[in-house]
C-alpha cells in the first residue's frame, strides 16, 4: 500500500482528518474572526468622523487589504504546519499506523491544511464583515459597503495590470503570473513544513529572507551584458511568450517541490531527528 490510491479508503481518511481536526478548526475560526473583527471595527471607528467624502471607501479598502494579507499569512501557515499532527512520537505512531497508503496520507494532510485553512479564512472574513456591519448600525452610521463584496469584485472584475518594458499585458497574463507565484510560494512552504520537524514557520522566514537577499544582491550586481541580453530579448521576442516561459518554469519548480515533499514524507519514521524529518 505504499503508493496505491483507493478512493473509498481516501474518503474514510479525509473523514478521520475532519473529525480529529474539527476542534482546532473551530478554535482557529473563532480566533481569526475575533482578530479580523477587532481590526475592521477599529479602522471604522478611527475614520468614521473624518470629513473625507470617500472615507467609507477608504475604510473598506483598508479592510480588504488586511484580508489579502491574512490570505498570505494563512497559506504560509498551512504550508509550514502540514504535518503538525506528527510532532510527538505517539502522534507519529497513530498517524503512520492508519490503514492508508503514503500517497493517501500525504494528500489528506495537504488538502486538509490548504482547503481547511482557506475555509477558515473565508468564513472568518464573512463573519467579521457581518459584525462590522452590525457595529456600524449600532453607531448609527448605516451600512455603506461590504468587505466580502469588495474582495469578490476585485477578484472577478478583470482589473489586473501587469506591465513589462512599458507594455501592459492582458488580464489573463496577470492572473497566470499571480497564480504561478502563489503556487511556487505555497510549494516551497509545504516543502519546508515537511522537512523541518519543529518551528518550520521560523525556518521558512529565515530561508526566504536569506534567498531573497541573495537574489536582490545578484540582481543589483548583474553584469551589464546579461542585463543587455534580457533587454534585447524582450525587444525581439513577444513579452507574452516570455511570461509563459517563466510561468512554465515556475510551475515545474513547484511540481518538483511538491514531489520532494512527498518523498520526504515517505521517508518519515516513528523516531526521527529532533529538528529534521529525515
Protein backbone atom coordinates (compact mmCIF):
# COMPACT_ATOMS: atom_id res chain seq x y z
CA UNK A 1 0.00 0.00 0.00
CA UNK A 2 2.96 2.34 -0.31
CA UNK A 3 1.86 4.11 -3.48
CA UNK A 4 -1.62 2.75 -4.19
CA UNK A 5 -4.66 5.00 -4.13
CA UNK A 6 -8.16 3.85 -3.26
CA UNK A 7 -10.94 6.41 -3.39
CA UNK A 8 -13.04 4.81 -0.63
CA UNK A 9 -10.07 4.48 1.69
CA UNK A 10 -9.09 8.08 0.95
CA UNK A 11 -12.63 9.25 1.70
CA UNK A 12 -12.56 7.50 5.08
CA UNK A 13 -9.16 9.04 5.80
CA UNK A 14 -10.48 12.51 5.00
CA UNK A 15 -13.43 11.92 7.32
CA UNK A 16 -10.97 10.96 10.04
CA UNK A 17 -8.97 14.15 9.41
CA UNK A 18 -12.07 16.34 9.56
CA UNK A 19 -13.32 14.74 12.78
CA UNK A 20 -9.93 14.78 14.51
CA UNK A 21 -9.19 18.38 13.50
CA UNK A 22 -12.69 19.82 13.96
CA UNK A 23 -11.88 21.31 17.37
CA UNK A 24 -8.77 23.05 16.03
CA UNK A 25 -10.82 24.22 13.04
CA UNK A 26 -13.42 25.87 15.28
CA UNK A 27 -10.81 27.42 17.55
CA UNK A 28 -8.92 28.80 14.56
CA UNK A 29 -12.15 30.15 13.07
CA UNK A 30 -13.11 31.81 16.35
CA UNK A 31 -9.69 33.36 16.89
CA UNK A 32 -9.33 34.66 13.34
CA UNK A 33 -12.88 36.03 13.34
CA UNK A 34 -12.27 37.92 16.57
CA UNK A 35 -8.97 39.31 15.31
CA UNK A 36 -10.36 40.46 11.95
CA UNK A 37 -13.48 41.89 13.59
CA UNK A 38 -11.38 43.91 16.02
CA UNK A 39 -9.26 45.31 13.17
CA UNK A 40 -12.27 46.10 10.96
CA UNK A 41 -14.13 47.86 13.77
CA UNK A 42 -11.00 49.73 14.87
CA UNK A 43 -10.41 51.07 11.34
CA UNK A 44 -14.08 52.00 11.01
CA UNK A 45 -14.21 53.81 14.35
CA UNK A 46 -10.96 55.72 13.74
CA UNK A 47 -12.06 57.10 10.35
CA UNK A 48 -15.86 57.43 10.63
CA UNK A 49 -15.73 61.03 11.91
CA UNK A 50 -13.31 62.28 9.27
CA UNK A 51 -14.54 64.85 6.78
CA UNK A 52 -13.48 62.95 3.66
CA UNK A 53 -16.26 62.34 1.19
CA UNK A 54 -14.86 58.90 0.42
CA UNK A 55 -13.96 57.92 3.99
CA UNK A 56 -16.12 54.79 3.88
CA UNK A 57 -14.47 53.66 0.65
CA UNK A 58 -11.12 54.13 2.38
CA UNK A 59 -12.29 52.03 5.34
CA UNK A 60 -13.39 49.10 3.21
CA UNK A 61 -10.26 49.33 1.07
CA UNK A 62 -8.07 49.05 4.17
CA UNK A 63 -10.13 46.10 5.43
CA UNK A 64 -9.84 44.45 2.03
CA UNK A 65 -6.06 44.87 2.08
CA UNK A 66 -5.99 43.34 5.57
CA UNK A 67 -7.94 40.33 4.27
CA UNK A 68 -5.41 39.92 1.44
CA UNK A 69 -2.58 39.96 3.96
CA UNK A 70 -4.39 37.36 6.06
CA UNK A 71 -4.71 35.15 2.98
CA UNK A 72 -0.93 35.30 2.54
CA UNK A 73 -0.39 34.55 6.24
CA UNK A 74 -2.91 31.68 6.34
CA UNK A 75 -1.43 29.99 3.27
CA UNK A 76 2.02 30.41 4.82
CA UNK A 77 0.89 28.66 8.00
CA UNK A 78 -0.95 25.98 6.00
CA UNK A 79 2.26 25.01 4.23
CA UNK A 80 4.50 25.17 7.29
CA UNK A 81 2.09 23.24 9.53
CA UNK A 82 1.15 20.46 7.12
CA UNK A 83 2.46 17.77 9.49
CA UNK A 84 1.85 19.41 12.85
CA UNK A 85 -0.07 16.23 13.74
CA UNK A 86 3.25 14.31 13.85
CA UNK A 87 5.24 16.32 16.39
CA UNK A 88 5.37 13.69 19.12
CA UNK A 89 6.28 10.01 18.87
CA UNK A 90 2.77 8.91 19.81
CA UNK A 91 1.24 11.18 17.18
CA UNK A 92 3.57 9.71 14.56
CA UNK A 93 2.67 6.16 15.54
CA UNK A 94 -1.05 6.94 15.40
CA UNK A 95 -0.90 8.64 12.01
CA UNK A 96 1.52 6.25 10.31
CA UNK A 97 -0.48 3.26 11.56
CA UNK A 98 -3.66 4.40 9.81
CA UNK A 99 -4.92 1.91 7.16
CA UNK A 100 -3.99 4.03 4.15
CA UNK A 101 -1.14 4.38 1.69
CA UNK A 102 1.58 7.02 1.96
CA UNK A 103 0.08 8.87 -1.01
CA UNK A 104 -3.36 8.96 0.59
CA UNK A 105 -1.97 10.21 3.89
CA UNK A 106 0.07 12.94 2.19
CA UNK A 107 -2.86 14.11 0.05
CA UNK A 108 -5.21 14.05 3.04
CA UNK A 109 -2.92 16.29 5.08
CA UNK A 110 -2.22 18.55 2.10
CA UNK A 111 -5.91 19.03 1.31
CA UNK A 112 -6.89 19.50 4.94
CA UNK A 113 -4.29 22.15 5.72
CA UNK A 114 -4.79 24.09 2.48
CA UNK A 115 -8.53 23.78 1.90
CA UNK A 116 -9.34 23.72 5.62
CA UNK A 117 -7.25 26.78 6.44
CA UNK A 118 -8.66 28.59 3.39
CA UNK A 119 -12.22 27.84 4.56
CA UNK A 120 -11.31 29.23 7.98
CA UNK A 121 -10.20 32.47 6.32
CA UNK A 122 -13.31 32.69 4.10
CA UNK A 123 -15.74 32.10 6.97
CA UNK A 124 -13.80 34.42 9.29
CA UNK A 125 -13.89 37.21 6.68
CA UNK A 126 -17.64 36.79 6.16
CA UNK A 127 -18.40 36.73 9.89
CA UNK A 128 -16.11 39.72 10.55
CA UNK A 129 -17.81 41.59 7.71
CA UNK A 130 -21.23 40.90 9.22
CA UNK A 131 -20.07 42.02 12.67
CA UNK A 132 -18.62 45.18 11.12
CA UNK A 133 -22.00 45.94 9.55
CA UNK A 134 -23.66 45.39 12.94
CA UNK A 135 -21.09 47.64 14.60
CA UNK A 136 -21.76 50.34 12.00
CA UNK A 137 -25.51 50.11 12.60
CA UNK A 138 -25.01 50.36 16.37
CA UNK A 139 -23.05 53.59 15.86
CA UNK A 140 -25.84 54.99 13.69
CA UNK A 141 -23.66 55.17 10.57
CA UNK A 142 -25.62 52.67 8.50
CA UNK A 143 -24.09 50.10 6.17
CA UNK A 144 -22.03 51.64 3.37
CA UNK A 145 -20.37 48.60 1.88
CA UNK A 146 -19.10 45.08 2.36
CA UNK A 147 -15.56 43.79 2.65
CA UNK A 148 -16.60 40.43 1.19
CA UNK A 149 -18.24 42.03 -1.85
CA UNK A 150 -15.23 44.32 -2.35
CA UNK A 151 -12.89 41.30 -2.37
CA UNK A 152 -15.09 39.42 -4.86
CA UNK A 153 -15.31 42.46 -7.13
CA UNK A 154 -11.53 42.82 -7.06
CA UNK A 155 -11.03 39.14 -7.91
CA UNK A 156 -13.54 38.94 -10.76
CA UNK A 157 -13.53 42.48 -12.17
CA UNK A 158 -10.65 41.82 -14.57
CA UNK A 159 -8.70 44.88 -13.45
CA UNK A 160 -5.37 43.11 -13.13
CA UNK A 161 -2.45 45.06 -14.54
CA UNK A 162 0.93 43.62 -15.46
CA UNK A 163 3.45 45.90 -17.15
CA UNK A 164 6.78 44.78 -18.55
CA UNK A 165 9.03 47.09 -20.51
CA UNK A 166 6.24 49.73 -20.52
CA UNK A 167 3.85 47.24 -22.15
CA UNK A 168 0.53 46.50 -20.49
CA UNK A 169 -0.40 42.85 -20.83
CA UNK A 170 -3.93 41.38 -20.91
CA UNK A 171 -5.53 40.38 -17.62
CA UNK A 172 -5.05 36.67 -18.40
CA UNK A 173 -1.28 37.01 -18.07
CA UNK A 174 -1.63 38.93 -14.81
CA UNK A 175 -3.72 36.19 -13.22
CA UNK A 176 -1.49 33.47 -14.67
CA UNK A 177 1.59 35.19 -13.24
CA UNK A 178 0.00 35.69 -9.81
CA UNK A 179 -1.21 32.06 -9.74
CA UNK A 180 2.28 30.82 -10.61
CA UNK A 181 3.87 32.95 -7.90
CA UNK A 182 1.31 31.79 -5.31
CA UNK A 183 1.80 28.15 -6.34
CA UNK A 184 5.58 28.42 -6.08
CA UNK A 185 5.42 30.08 -2.66
CA UNK A 186 2.95 27.52 -1.33
CA UNK A 187 5.00 24.59 -2.65
CA UNK A 188 8.14 25.99 -1.01
CA UNK A 189 6.30 26.42 2.31
CA UNK A 190 4.98 22.86 2.05
CA UNK A 191 8.49 21.54 1.40
CA UNK A 192 9.89 23.43 4.40
CA UNK A 193 6.98 22.30 6.57
CA UNK A 194 7.70 18.70 5.58
CA UNK A 195 11.46 18.97 6.00
CA UNK A 196 11.62 20.58 9.43
CA UNK A 197 10.00 18.93 12.42
CA UNK A 198 9.94 21.93 14.77
CA UNK A 199 9.44 25.66 14.14
CA UNK A 200 9.04 25.18 10.39
CA UNK A 201 7.50 28.64 10.10
CA UNK A 202 10.62 30.20 11.61
CA UNK A 203 12.87 28.23 9.26
CA UNK A 204 10.70 29.33 6.33
CA UNK A 205 11.05 33.01 7.25
CA UNK A 206 14.82 32.72 7.71
CA UNK A 207 15.34 30.86 4.44
CA UNK A 208 13.14 33.24 2.45
CA UNK A 209 14.95 36.26 3.87
CA UNK A 210 18.29 34.61 3.02
CA UNK A 211 17.41 33.63 -0.54
CA UNK A 212 15.54 36.89 -1.13
CA UNK A 213 18.60 38.89 -0.05
CA UNK A 214 20.84 36.77 -2.27
CA UNK A 215 18.51 37.37 -5.22
CA UNK A 216 18.46 41.14 -4.64
CA UNK A 217 22.25 41.26 -4.39
CA UNK A 218 22.56 39.16 -7.55
CA UNK A 219 20.19 41.41 -9.48
CA UNK A 220 21.95 44.57 -8.27
CA UNK A 221 25.33 43.23 -9.34
CA UNK A 222 24.19 41.59 -12.54
CA UNK A 223 26.77 42.08 -15.29
CA UNK A 224 25.80 44.57 -17.93
CA UNK A 225 25.90 42.02 -20.72
CA UNK A 226 23.23 39.87 -19.00
CA UNK A 227 21.05 42.95 -18.46
CA UNK A 228 21.54 43.96 -22.09
CA UNK A 229 20.75 40.41 -23.20
CA UNK A 230 17.43 40.45 -21.34
CA UNK A 231 16.57 43.88 -22.74
CA UNK A 232 17.31 42.65 -26.26
CA UNK A 233 15.31 39.50 -25.63
CA UNK A 234 12.25 41.48 -24.56
CA UNK A 235 12.59 43.65 -27.68
CA UNK A 236 12.91 40.71 -30.07
CA UNK A 237 10.55 38.16 -28.50
CA UNK A 238 6.92 38.84 -27.64
CA UNK A 239 6.65 39.65 -23.94
CA UNK A 240 3.68 37.31 -23.63
CA UNK A 241 5.83 34.36 -24.65
CA UNK A 242 8.42 35.35 -22.07
CA UNK A 243 5.73 35.41 -19.39
CA UNK A 244 4.52 31.96 -20.45
CA UNK A 245 8.07 30.56 -20.32
CA UNK A 246 8.61 31.97 -16.82
CA UNK A 247 5.26 30.56 -15.69
CA UNK A 248 6.07 27.11 -17.09
CA UNK A 249 9.41 27.15 -15.26
CA UNK A 250 7.71 28.29 -12.05
CA UNK A 251 5.05 25.58 -12.27
CA UNK A 252 7.73 22.96 -12.98
CA UNK A 253 9.70 24.11 -9.93
CA UNK A 254 6.52 23.95 -7.83
CA UNK A 255 5.82 20.40 -9.02
CA UNK A 256 9.40 19.43 -8.12
CA UNK A 257 8.98 20.87 -4.61
CA UNK A 258 5.69 19.02 -4.12
CA UNK A 259 7.33 15.80 -5.31
CA UNK A 260 10.21 16.41 -2.89
CA UNK A 261 7.73 16.98 -0.06
CA UNK A 262 6.05 13.65 -0.80
CA UNK A 263 9.39 11.83 -0.93
CA UNK A 264 10.36 13.33 2.43
CA UNK A 265 7.05 12.20 3.90
CA UNK A 266 7.63 8.66 2.61
CA UNK A 267 10.98 8.60 4.42
CA UNK A 268 9.48 9.69 7.73
CA UNK A 269 9.86 7.14 10.52
CA UNK A 270 8.41 6.94 14.01
CA UNK A 271 11.75 8.03 15.51
CA UNK A 272 13.22 10.99 13.64
CA UNK A 273 15.88 13.60 14.05
CA UNK A 274 14.90 16.22 16.62
CA UNK A 275 14.78 19.02 14.06
CA UNK A 276 14.61 17.45 10.58
CA UNK A 277 12.17 14.85 9.24
CA UNK A 278 14.72 12.59 7.53
